[in-house]
PDB file of N, CA and C in Angstrom:
ATOM      1  N   MET A   1      49.712 -94.714 -14.961  1.00  0.00           N
ATOM      2  CA  MET A   1      49.049 -95.154 -15.551  1.00  0.00           C
ATOM      3  C   MET A   1      47.409 -94.974 -14.752  1.00  0.00           C
ATOM      4  N   PRO A   2      46.324 -94.465 -14.939  1.00  0.00           N
ATOM      5  CA  PRO A   2      45.059 -94.223 -14.401  1.00  0.00           C
ATOM      6  C   PRO A   2      44.448 -95.474 -14.284  1.00  0.00           C
ATOM      7  N   ALA A   3      43.838 -96.070 -13.142  1.00  0.00           N
ATOM      8  CA  ALA A   3      43.008 -97.477 -13.253  1.00  0.00           C
ATOM      9  C   ALA A   3      41.816 -97.409 -14.069  1.00  0.00           C
ATOM     10  N   MET A   4      41.590 -98.214 -15.006  1.00  0.00           N
ATOM     11  CA  MET A   4      40.303 -98.352 -15.797  1.00  0.00           C
ATOM     12  C   MET A   4      39.465 -99.533 -15.358  1.00  0.00           C
ATOM     13  N   ILE A   5      38.110 -99.163 -15.808  1.00  0.00           N
ATOM     14  CA  ILE A   5      37.114-100.468 -15.775  1.00  0.00           C
ATOM     15  C   ILE A   5      36.947-101.018 -17.027  1.00  0.00           C
ATOM     16  N   ASN A   6      36.785-102.162 -17.162  1.00  0.00           N
ATOM     17  CA  ASN A   6      36.922-102.763 -18.502  1.00  0.00           C
ATOM     18  C   ASN A   6      35.658-103.852 -18.657  1.00  0.00           C
ATOM     19  N   THR A   7      35.015-104.332 -19.607  1.00  0.00           N
ATOM     20  CA  THR A   7      34.383-105.488 -19.793  1.00  0.00           C
ATOM     21  C   THR A   7      35.230-106.603 -19.961  1.00  0.00           C
ATOM     22  N   PRO A   8      35.126-107.761 -20.057  1.00  0.00           N
ATOM     23  CA  PRO A   8      35.617-108.727 -20.533  1.00  0.00           C
ATOM     24  C   PRO A   8      35.190-108.574 -21.733  1.00  0.00           C
ATOM     25  N   GLU A   9      35.630-109.750 -22.925  1.00  0.00           N
ATOM     26  CA  GLU A   9      35.876-109.841 -24.368  1.00  0.00           C
ATOM     27  C   GLU A   9      34.059-110.269 -24.555  1.00  0.00           C
ATOM     28  N   MET A  10      33.436-109.680 -25.110  1.00  0.00           N
ATOM     29  CA  MET A  10      32.054-110.011 -25.514  1.00  0.00           C
ATOM     30  C   MET A  10      31.953-110.679 -26.938  1.00  0.00           C
ATOM     31  N   ARG A  11      31.355-111.841 -26.598  1.00  0.00           N
ATOM     32  CA  ARG A  11      31.402-112.611 -28.328  1.00  0.00           C
ATOM     33  C   ARG A  11      29.969-112.682 -28.379  1.00  0.00           C
ATOM     34  N   PHE A  12      29.448-112.427 -29.937  1.00  0.00           N
ATOM     35  CA  PHE A  12      28.031-112.780 -29.791  1.00  0.00           C
ATOM     36  C   PHE A  12      27.871-113.157 -31.196  1.00  0.00           C
ATOM     37  N   GLN A  13      27.069-114.081 -31.506  1.00  0.00           N
ATOM     38  CA  GLN A  13      26.975-114.864 -32.907  1.00  0.00           C
ATOM     39  C   GLN A  13      26.087-113.831 -34.160  1.00  0.00           C
ATOM     40  N   VAL A  14      26.417-113.772 -35.188  1.00  0.00           N
ATOM     41  CA  VAL A  14      26.255-112.984 -36.129  1.00  0.00           C
ATOM     42  C   VAL A  14      26.318-113.794 -37.310  1.00  0.00           C
ATOM     43  N   ASP A  15      25.318-114.042 -38.478  1.00  0.00           N
ATOM     44  CA  ASP A  15      25.594-114.636 -39.552  1.00  0.00           C
ATOM     45  C   ASP A  15      26.619-114.488 -40.117  1.00  0.00           C
ATOM     46  N   GLU A  16      27.443-115.577 -40.726  1.00  0.00           N
ATOM     47  CA  GLU A  16      29.113-115.166 -41.589  1.00  0.00           C
ATOM     48  C   GLU A  16      28.823-114.313 -42.651  1.00  0.00           C
ATOM     49  N   SER A  17      27.626-114.303 -43.492  1.00  0.00           N
ATOM     50  CA  SER A  17      27.290-113.206 -44.473  1.00  0.00           C
ATOM     51  C   SER A  17      27.438-111.901 -44.066  1.00  0.00           C
ATOM     52  N   ARG A  18      26.929-111.509 -42.711  1.00  0.00           N
ATOM     53  CA  ARG A  18      27.004-110.370 -42.227  1.00  0.00           C
ATOM     54  C   ARG A  18      27.490-109.710 -41.387  1.00  0.00           C
ATOM     55  N   LYS A  19      29.275-110.571 -40.705  1.00  0.00           N
ATOM     56  CA  LYS A  19      29.639-110.202 -39.568  1.00  0.00           C
ATOM     57  C   LYS A  19      30.680-108.838 -40.026  1.00  0.00           C
ATOM     58  N   PHE A  20      31.257-109.209 -41.273  1.00  0.00           N
ATOM     59  CA  PHE A  20      32.037-107.798 -41.605  1.00  0.00           C
ATOM     60  C   PHE A  20      31.405-107.059 -42.254  1.00  0.00           C
ATOM     61  N   ALA A  21      29.847-106.985 -42.756  1.00  0.00           N
ATOM     62  CA  ALA A  21      29.011-105.886 -43.486  1.00  0.00           C
ATOM     63  C   ALA A  21      28.771-105.250 -42.304  1.00  0.00           C
ATOM     64  N   VAL A  22      28.500-105.551 -41.138  1.00  0.00           N
ATOM     65  CA  VAL A  22      28.022-105.134 -40.214  1.00  0.00           C
ATOM     66  C   VAL A  22      29.021-104.025 -39.339  1.00  0.00           C
ATOM     67  N   VAL A  23      30.405-104.657 -39.278  1.00  0.00           N
ATOM     68  CA  VAL A  23      31.349-103.651 -38.745  1.00  0.00           C
ATOM     69  C   VAL A  23      31.810-102.498 -39.976  1.00  0.00           C
ATOM     70  N   GLY A  24      31.223-102.758 -41.206  1.00  0.00           N
ATOM     71  CA  GLY A  24      31.544-101.881 -42.485  1.00  0.00           C
ATOM     72  C   GLY A  24      30.492-100.447 -42.195  1.00  0.00           C
ATOM     73  N   GLU A  25      29.564-101.142 -41.813  1.00  0.00           N
ATOM     74  CA  GLU A  25      28.048 -99.968 -41.435  1.00  0.00           C
ATOM     75  C   GLU A  25      28.738 -99.046 -40.432  1.00  0.00           C
ATOM     76  N   VAL A  26      28.550-100.139 -39.307  1.00  0.00           N
ATOM     77  CA  VAL A  26      29.073 -99.151 -38.156  1.00  0.00           C
ATOM     78  C   VAL A  26      30.399 -98.121 -38.407  1.00  0.00           C
ATOM     79  N   MET A  27      31.432 -98.678 -39.243  1.00  0.00           N
ATOM     80  CA  MET A  27      32.640 -97.413 -39.343  1.00  0.00           C
ATOM     81  C   MET A  27      31.779 -96.335 -40.131  1.00  0.00           C
ATOM     82  N   ALA A  28      31.158 -96.601 -41.098  1.00  0.00           N
ATOM     83  CA  ALA A  28      30.899 -95.514 -41.977  1.00  0.00           C
ATOM     84  C   ALA A  28      30.016 -94.730 -40.986  1.00  0.00           C
ATOM     85  N   ARG A  29      29.072 -94.984 -40.355  1.00  0.00           N
ATOM     86  CA  ARG A  29      28.105 -94.374 -39.311  1.00  0.00           C
ATOM     87  C   ARG A  29      29.322 -93.245 -38.734  1.00  0.00           C
ATOM     88  N   LEU A  30      30.007 -93.898 -37.806  1.00  0.00           N
ATOM     89  CA  LEU A  30      30.916 -93.233 -37.153  1.00  0.00           C
ATOM     90  C   LEU A  30      31.909 -92.016 -37.744  1.00  0.00           C
ATOM     91  N   GLN A  31      32.426 -92.322 -39.251  1.00  0.00           N
ATOM     92  CA  GLN A  31      32.565 -91.561 -39.684  1.00  0.00           C
ATOM     93  C   GLN A  31      31.947 -90.651 -40.046  1.00  0.00           C
ATOM     94  N   THR A  32      30.777 -90.760 -40.256  1.00  0.00           N
ATOM     95  CA  THR A  32      29.581 -89.741 -40.628  1.00  0.00           C
ATOM     96  C   THR A  32      29.624 -88.722 -39.354  1.00  0.00           C
ATOM     97  N   GLU A  33      29.575 -89.174 -38.029  1.00  0.00           N
ATOM     98  CA  GLU A  33      29.459 -88.329 -36.986  1.00  0.00           C
ATOM     99  C   GLU A  33      30.585 -87.726 -36.640  1.00  0.00           C
ATOM    100  N   GLY A  34      31.538 -88.066 -36.931  1.00  0.00           N
ATOM    101  CA  GLY A  34      33.045 -87.316 -37.059  1.00  0.00           C
ATOM    102  C   GLY A  34      33.824 -87.786 -35.522  1.00  0.00           C
ATOM    103  N   ALA A  35      33.561 -89.497 -35.411  1.00  0.00           N
ATOM    104  CA  ALA A  35      33.671 -89.917 -34.463  1.00  0.00           C
ATOM    105  C   ALA A  35      35.406 -90.028 -34.681  1.00  0.00           C
ATOM    106  N   ASP A  36      36.272 -90.143 -33.302  1.00  0.00           N
ATOM    107  CA  ASP A  36      37.624 -90.537 -33.390  1.00  0.00           C
ATOM    108  C   ASP A  36      37.471 -92.171 -33.345  1.00  0.00           C
ATOM    109  N   VAL A  37      38.217 -92.460 -34.518  1.00  0.00           N
ATOM    110  CA  VAL A  37      38.035 -94.132 -34.827  1.00  0.00           C
ATOM    111  C   VAL A  37      39.162 -94.657 -35.639  1.00  0.00           C
ATOM    112  N   ASP A  38      39.671 -95.523 -35.069  1.00  0.00           N
ATOM    113  CA  ASP A  38      41.019 -96.134 -35.293  1.00  0.00           C
ATOM    114  C   ASP A  38      40.488 -97.642 -35.749  1.00  0.00           C
ATOM    115  N   GLU A  39      40.797 -97.908 -37.514  1.00  0.00           N
ATOM    116  CA  GLU A  39      40.083 -98.975 -38.226  1.00  0.00           C
ATOM    117  C   GLU A  39      41.301-100.122 -38.563  1.00  0.00           C
ATOM    118  N   THR A  40      42.353-100.027 -37.672  1.00  0.00           N
ATOM    119  CA  THR A  40      43.177-100.989 -38.160  1.00  0.00           C
ATOM    120  C   THR A  40      42.332-102.422 -38.138  1.00  0.00           C
ATOM    121  N   ASP A  41      41.606-102.549 -37.095  1.00  0.00           N
ATOM    122  CA  ASP A  41      41.172-104.097 -37.017  1.00  0.00           C
ATOM    123  C   ASP A  41      40.043-104.028 -36.176  1.00  0.00           C
ATOM    124  N   GLY A  42      38.488-103.525 -37.126  1.00  0.00           N
ATOM    125  CA  GLY A  42      37.795-103.444 -36.926  1.00  0.00           C
ATOM    126  C   GLY A  42      37.165-101.845 -36.711  1.00  0.00           C
ATOM    127  N   ALA A  43      36.584-101.244 -35.477  1.00  0.00           N
ATOM    128  CA  ALA A  43      36.249-100.067 -35.188  1.00  0.00           C
ATOM    129  C   ALA A  43      36.677 -99.929 -33.543  1.00  0.00           C
ATOM    130  N   ARG A  44      37.925 -98.830 -33.661  1.00  0.00           N
ATOM    131  CA  ARG A  44      38.317 -98.644 -31.873  1.00  0.00           C
ATOM    132  C   ARG A  44      37.969 -97.245 -31.986  1.00  0.00           C
ATOM    133  N   VAL A  45      37.373 -96.969 -31.153  1.00  0.00           N
ATOM    134  CA  VAL A  45      36.284 -95.441 -31.117  1.00  0.00           C
ATOM    135  C   VAL A  45      37.036 -94.839 -29.591  1.00  0.00           C
ATOM    136  N   THR A  46      37.558 -94.356 -29.575  1.00  0.00           N
ATOM    137  CA  THR A  46      37.966 -93.461 -28.328  1.00  0.00           C
ATOM    138  C   THR A  46      36.995 -92.050 -28.122  1.00  0.00           C
ATOM    139  N   THR A  47      36.671 -92.352 -26.536  1.00  0.00           N
ATOM    140  CA  THR A  47      35.792 -90.763 -26.415  1.00  0.00           C
ATOM    141  C   THR A  47      36.834 -90.194 -25.168  1.00  0.00           C
ATOM    142  N   PRO A  48      35.935 -89.258 -24.508  1.00  0.00           N
ATOM    143  CA  PRO A  48      36.576 -88.878 -23.281  1.00  0.00           C
ATOM    144  C   PRO A  48      36.319 -90.056 -22.100  1.00  0.00           C
ATOM    145  N   ASP A  49      35.377 -90.539 -22.274  1.00  0.00           N
ATOM    146  CA  ASP A  49      35.052 -91.675 -21.006  1.00  0.00           C
ATOM    147  C   ASP A  49      35.726 -92.735 -21.205  1.00  0.00           C
ATOM    148  N   GLY A  50      36.785 -92.844 -22.374  1.00  0.00           N
ATOM    149  CA  GLY A  50      37.570 -94.180 -22.514  1.00  0.00           C
ATOM    150  C   GLY A  50      37.427 -94.793 -24.022  1.00  0.00           C
ATOM    151  N   TRP A  51      37.266 -96.023 -24.078  1.00  0.00           N
ATOM    152  CA  TRP A  51      37.362 -96.682 -25.607  1.00  0.00           C
ATOM    153  C   TRP A  51      36.107 -97.656 -25.992  1.00  0.00           C
ATOM    154  N   TRP A  52      35.947 -97.954 -27.231  1.00  0.00           N
ATOM    155  CA  TRP A  52      35.172 -99.252 -27.062  1.00  0.00           C
ATOM    156  C   TRP A  52      35.815-100.022 -28.790  1.00  0.00           C
ATOM    157  N   LEU A  53      35.591-101.108 -28.980  1.00  0.00           N
ATOM    158  CA  LEU A  53      36.120-101.566 -30.140  1.00  0.00           C
ATOM    159  C   LEU A  53      34.953-102.905 -30.362  1.00  0.00           C
ATOM    160  N   LEU A  54      35.011-102.854 -31.916  1.00  0.00           N
ATOM    161  CA  LEU A  54      33.530-103.577 -32.257  1.00  0.00           C
ATOM    162  C   LEU A  54      34.805-104.442 -33.420  1.00  0.00           C
ATOM    163  N   ARG A  55      34.871-105.498 -33.711  1.00  0.00           N
ATOM    164  CA  ARG A  55      35.317-106.282 -34.455  1.00  0.00           C
ATOM    165  C   ARG A  55      34.975-107.469 -34.957  1.00  0.00           C
ATOM    166  N   ALA A  56      34.890-107.802 -36.506  1.00  0.00           N
ATOM    167  CA  ALA A  56      34.644-109.427 -36.770  1.00  0.00           C
ATOM    168  C   ALA A  56      35.741-110.011 -36.614  1.00  0.00           C
ATOM    169  N   SER A  57      35.357-111.537 -36.170  1.00  0.00           N
ATOM    170  CA  SER A  57      36.083-112.571 -35.730  1.00  0.00           C
ATOM    171  C   SER A  57      36.734-113.115 -37.505  1.00  0.00           C
ATOM    172  N   ASN A  58      37.846-113.242 -37.750  1.00  0.00           N
ATOM    173  CA  ASN A  58      38.314-114.017 -38.969  1.00  0.00           C
ATOM    174  C   ASN A  58      37.976-115.568 -38.874  1.00  0.00           C
ATOM    175  N   THR A  59      37.972-116.012 -37.646  1.00  0.00           N
ATOM    176  CA  THR A  59      37.657-117.382 -37.386  1.00  0.00           C
ATOM    177  C   THR A  59      36.333-117.851 -37.354  1.00  0.00           C
ATOM    178  N   GLN A  60      35.470-117.299 -36.859  1.00  0.00           N
ATOM    179  CA  GLN A  60      34.444-117.746 -36.579  1.00  0.00           C
ATOM    180  C   GLN A  60      32.920-116.693 -36.521  1.00  0.00           C
ATOM    181  N   ASP A  61      31.829-117.216 -36.502  1.00  0.00           N
ATOM    182  CA  ASP A  61      30.833-116.472 -37.174  1.00  0.00           C
ATOM    183  C   ASP A  61      30.042-115.601 -36.253  1.00  0.00           C
ATOM    184  N   VAL A  62      31.352-114.705 -35.217  1.00  0.00           N
ATOM    185  CA  VAL A  62      30.692-114.094 -34.357  1.00  0.00           C
ATOM    186  C   VAL A  62      31.335-112.349 -34.176  1.00  0.00           C
ATOM    187  N   LEU A  63      30.973-111.490 -33.627  1.00  0.00           N
ATOM    188  CA  LEU A  63      31.388-109.951 -33.318  1.00  0.00           C
ATOM    189  C   LEU A  63      32.169-109.946 -32.170  1.00  0.00           C
ATOM    190  N   VAL A  64      33.134-109.671 -31.944  1.00  0.00           N
ATOM    191  CA  VAL A  64      33.725-109.119 -30.545  1.00  0.00           C
ATOM    192  C   VAL A  64      33.656-107.593 -30.170  1.00  0.00           C
ATOM    193  N   ALA A  65      33.304-107.321 -28.966  1.00  0.00           N
ATOM    194  CA  ALA A  65      33.655-106.185 -28.785  1.00  0.00           C
ATOM    195  C   ALA A  65      33.998-105.807 -27.101  1.00  0.00           C
ATOM    196  N   ARG A  66      34.589-104.974 -26.848  1.00  0.00           N
ATOM    197  CA  ARG A  66      35.287-104.548 -25.500  1.00  0.00           C
ATOM    198  C   ARG A  66      35.298-103.335 -24.997  1.00  0.00           C
ATOM    199  N   ALA A  67      35.143-103.154 -24.044  1.00  0.00           N
ATOM    200  CA  ALA A  67      34.933-100.926 -23.455  1.00  0.00           C
ATOM    201  C   ALA A  67      35.866-101.183 -22.504  1.00  0.00           C
ATOM    202  N   GLU A  68      36.587 -99.999 -22.301  1.00  0.00           N
ATOM    203  CA  GLU A  68      37.554 -99.652 -20.984  1.00  0.00           C
ATOM    204  C   GLU A  68      37.121 -98.270 -21.005  1.00  0.00           C
ATOM    205  N   SER A  69      36.745 -97.769 -19.671  1.00  0.00           N
ATOM    206  CA  SER A  69      36.620 -96.608 -18.932  1.00  0.00           C
ATOM    207  C   SER A  69      37.280 -96.353 -17.442  1.00  0.00           C
ATOM    208  N   TYR A  70      36.966 -94.966 -17.468  1.00  0.00           N
ATOM    209  CA  TYR A  70      37.932 -94.700 -16.371  1.00  0.00           C
ATOM    210  C   TYR A  70      36.701 -94.656 -15.082  1.00  0.00           C
ATOM    211  N   THR A  71      35.424 -94.435 -15.275  1.00  0.00           N
ATOM    212  CA  THR A  71      34.621 -94.626 -14.321  1.00  0.00           C
ATOM    213  C   THR A  71      33.444 -95.671 -15.160  1.00  0.00           C
ATOM    214  N   ARG A  72      32.346 -96.206 -13.959  1.00  0.00           N
ATOM    215  CA  ARG A  72      31.348 -97.280 -13.939  1.00  0.00           C
ATOM    216  C   ARG A  72      30.536 -96.332 -15.053  1.00  0.00           C
ATOM    217  N   ASP A  73      29.883 -95.039 -15.023  1.00  0.00           N
ATOM    218  CA  ASP A  73      29.262 -94.221 -15.553  1.00  0.00           C
ATOM    219  C   ASP A  73      29.558 -93.932 -16.806  1.00  0.00           C
ATOM    220  N   GLY A  74      31.168 -93.752 -17.028  1.00  0.00           N
ATOM    221  CA  GLY A  74      31.418 -93.702 -18.227  1.00  0.00           C
ATOM    222  C   GLY A  74      31.121 -95.331 -19.288  1.00  0.00           C
ATOM    223  N   LEU A  75      31.410 -96.221 -18.407  1.00  0.00           N
ATOM    224  CA  LEU A  75      31.516 -97.715 -19.094  1.00  0.00           C
ATOM    225  C   LEU A  75      29.754 -97.816 -19.548  1.00  0.00           C
ATOM    226  N   VAL A  76      29.267 -97.744 -18.917  1.00  0.00           N
ATOM    227  CA  VAL A  76      27.685 -97.667 -19.258  1.00  0.00           C
ATOM    228  C   VAL A  76      27.608 -96.775 -20.580  1.00  0.00           C
ATOM    229  N   ARG A  77      27.858 -95.808 -20.300  1.00  0.00           N
ATOM    230  CA  ARG A  77      27.857 -94.717 -21.619  1.00  0.00           C
ATOM    231  C   ARG A  77      28.612 -95.705 -23.060  1.00  0.00           C
ATOM    232  N   LEU A  78      29.727 -96.008 -22.756  1.00  0.00           N
ATOM    233  CA  LEU A  78      30.497 -96.498 -23.989  1.00  0.00           C
ATOM    234  C   LEU A  78      29.515 -97.608 -24.441  1.00  0.00           C
ATOM    235  N   MET A  79      28.992 -98.816 -23.340  1.00  0.00           N
ATOM    236  CA  MET A  79      28.213 -99.882 -23.809  1.00  0.00           C
ATOM    237  C   MET A  79      26.880 -99.347 -24.709  1.00  0.00           C
ATOM    238  N   GLY A  80      26.537 -98.138 -24.580  1.00  0.00           N
ATOM    239  CA  GLY A  80      25.189 -97.768 -24.606  1.00  0.00           C
ATOM    240  C   GLY A  80      25.651 -97.568 -26.382  1.00  0.00           C
ATOM    241  N   MET A  81      26.755 -96.872 -26.329  1.00  0.00           N
ATOM    242  CA  MET A  81      27.496 -96.251 -27.616  1.00  0.00           C
ATOM    243  C   MET A  81      27.259 -97.929 -28.668  1.00  0.00           C
ATOM    244  N   ILE A  82      28.198 -98.720 -28.401  1.00  0.00           N
ATOM    245  CA  ILE A  82      28.097-100.457 -28.568  1.00  0.00           C
ATOM    246  C   ILE A  82      26.433-100.820 -29.159  1.00  0.00           C
ATOM    247  N   ASP A  83      25.606-100.938 -28.194  1.00  0.00           N
ATOM    248  CA  ASP A  83      24.223-101.250 -28.521  1.00  0.00           C
ATOM    249  C   ASP A  83      23.685-100.361 -29.773  1.00  0.00           C
ATOM    250  N   ALA A  84      23.983 -99.038 -29.618  1.00  0.00           N
ATOM    251  CA  ALA A  84      23.275 -98.023 -30.413  1.00  0.00           C
ATOM    252  C   ALA A  84      23.720 -98.561 -31.551  1.00  0.00           C
ATOM    253  N   GLN A  85      25.429 -98.702 -32.228  1.00  0.00           N
ATOM    254  CA  GLN A  85      25.623 -98.899 -33.532  1.00  0.00           C
ATOM    255  C   GLN A  85      24.959-100.380 -33.678  1.00  0.00           C
ATOM    256  N   LEU A  86      24.939-101.191 -32.889  1.00  0.00           N
ATOM    257  CA  LEU A  86      24.745-102.350 -33.223  1.00  0.00           C
ATOM    258  C   LEU A  86      23.350-102.696 -33.990  1.00  0.00           C
ATOM    259  N   ALA A  87      22.516-101.861 -32.987  1.00  0.00           N
ATOM    260  CA  ALA A  87      21.115-101.923 -33.298  1.00  0.00           C
ATOM    261  C   ALA A  87      20.830-100.977 -34.196  1.00  0.00           C
ATOM    262  N   ALA A  88      21.522-100.350 -34.619  1.00  0.00           N
ATOM    263  CA  ALA A  88      21.313 -99.332 -36.172  1.00  0.00           C
ATOM    264  C   ALA A  88      21.716-100.336 -37.207  1.00  0.00           C
ATOM    265  N   SER A  89      22.370-101.304 -37.167  1.00  0.00           N
ATOM    266  CA  SER A  89      22.432-102.695 -38.267  1.00  0.00           C
ATOM    267  C   SER A  89      21.709-103.563 -37.783  1.00  0.00           C
ATOM    268  N   GLY A  90      20.838-103.813 -37.177  1.00  0.00           N
ATOM    269  CA  GLY A  90      19.323-104.720 -36.828  1.00  0.00           C
ATOM    270  C   GLY A  90      19.871-105.943 -35.928  1.00  0.00           C
ATOM    271  N   ILE A  91      20.982-105.627 -35.011  1.00  0.00           N
ATOM    272  CA  ILE A  91      21.327-106.828 -34.414  1.00  0.00           C
ATOM    273  C   ILE A  91      21.644-106.220 -32.798  1.00  0.00           C
ATOM    274  N   LYS A  92      20.926-106.774 -32.193  1.00  0.00           N
ATOM    275  CA  LYS A  92      21.267-106.835 -30.470  1.00  0.00           C
ATOM    276  C   LYS A  92      22.087-107.651 -29.873  1.00  0.00           C
ATOM    277  N   ARG A  93      23.198-106.899 -28.933  1.00  0.00           N
ATOM    278  CA  ARG A  93      23.921-107.534 -28.491  1.00  0.00           C
ATOM    279  C   ARG A  93      23.424-108.606 -27.304  1.00  0.00           C
ATOM    280  N   GLY A  94      24.017-110.007 -27.332  1.00  0.00           N
ATOM    281  CA  GLY A  94      23.499-111.152 -26.559  1.00  0.00           C
ATOM    282  C   GLY A  94      22.937-111.859 -27.325  1.00  0.00           C
ATOM    283  N   GLU A  95      21.900-111.598 -28.311  1.00  0.00           N
ATOM    284  CA  GLU A  95      21.401-112.403 -29.186  1.00  0.00           C
ATOM    285  C   GLU A  95      21.630-112.879 -30.353  1.00  0.00           C
ATOM    286  N   ALA A  96      21.575-114.495 -30.822  1.00  0.00           N
ATOM    287  CA  ALA A  96      21.898-114.635 -32.292  1.00  0.00           C
ATOM    288  C   ALA A  96      21.536-113.556 -33.232  1.00  0.00           C
ATOM    289  N   ALA A  97      21.904-113.360 -34.185  1.00  0.00           N
ATOM    290  CA  ALA A  97      21.716-112.756 -35.445  1.00  0.00           C
ATOM    291  C   ALA A  97      21.692-113.173 -36.315  1.00  0.00           C
ATOM    292  N   GLY A  98      21.036-114.195 -36.940  1.00  0.00           N
ATOM    293  CA  GLY A  98      20.899-114.875 -37.866  1.00  0.00           C
ATOM    294  C   GLY A  98      20.176-114.306 -39.029  1.00  0.00           C
ATOM    295  N   HIS A  99      19.486-113.494 -39.066  1.00  0.00           N
ATOM    296  CA  HIS A  99      19.021-113.073 -39.887  1.00  0.00           C
ATOM    297  C   HIS A  99      18.303-113.783 -41.125  1.00  0.00           C
TER     298      HIS A  99
END
């Protein structure tokens, strides 16, 4: 198994009424873009750099994200993908998104 570089589990607050909708919006955009997405538990996207995951917590008003890559530069690109998808839904990672 190749060595991978990963993020810790990132959890950030999103209004309860938006958390599942945001994941749905992200999945719809990813499908339109033709991304390699596993929708088993949120959106798990596989790229040449590695993978990233965005899912809504079932028990809290938070979104959970993780990423894992083969290189530090790849991890930065994966995090950029997460941030871009969140921004397209009006959310900035790390800030409360209470709308």
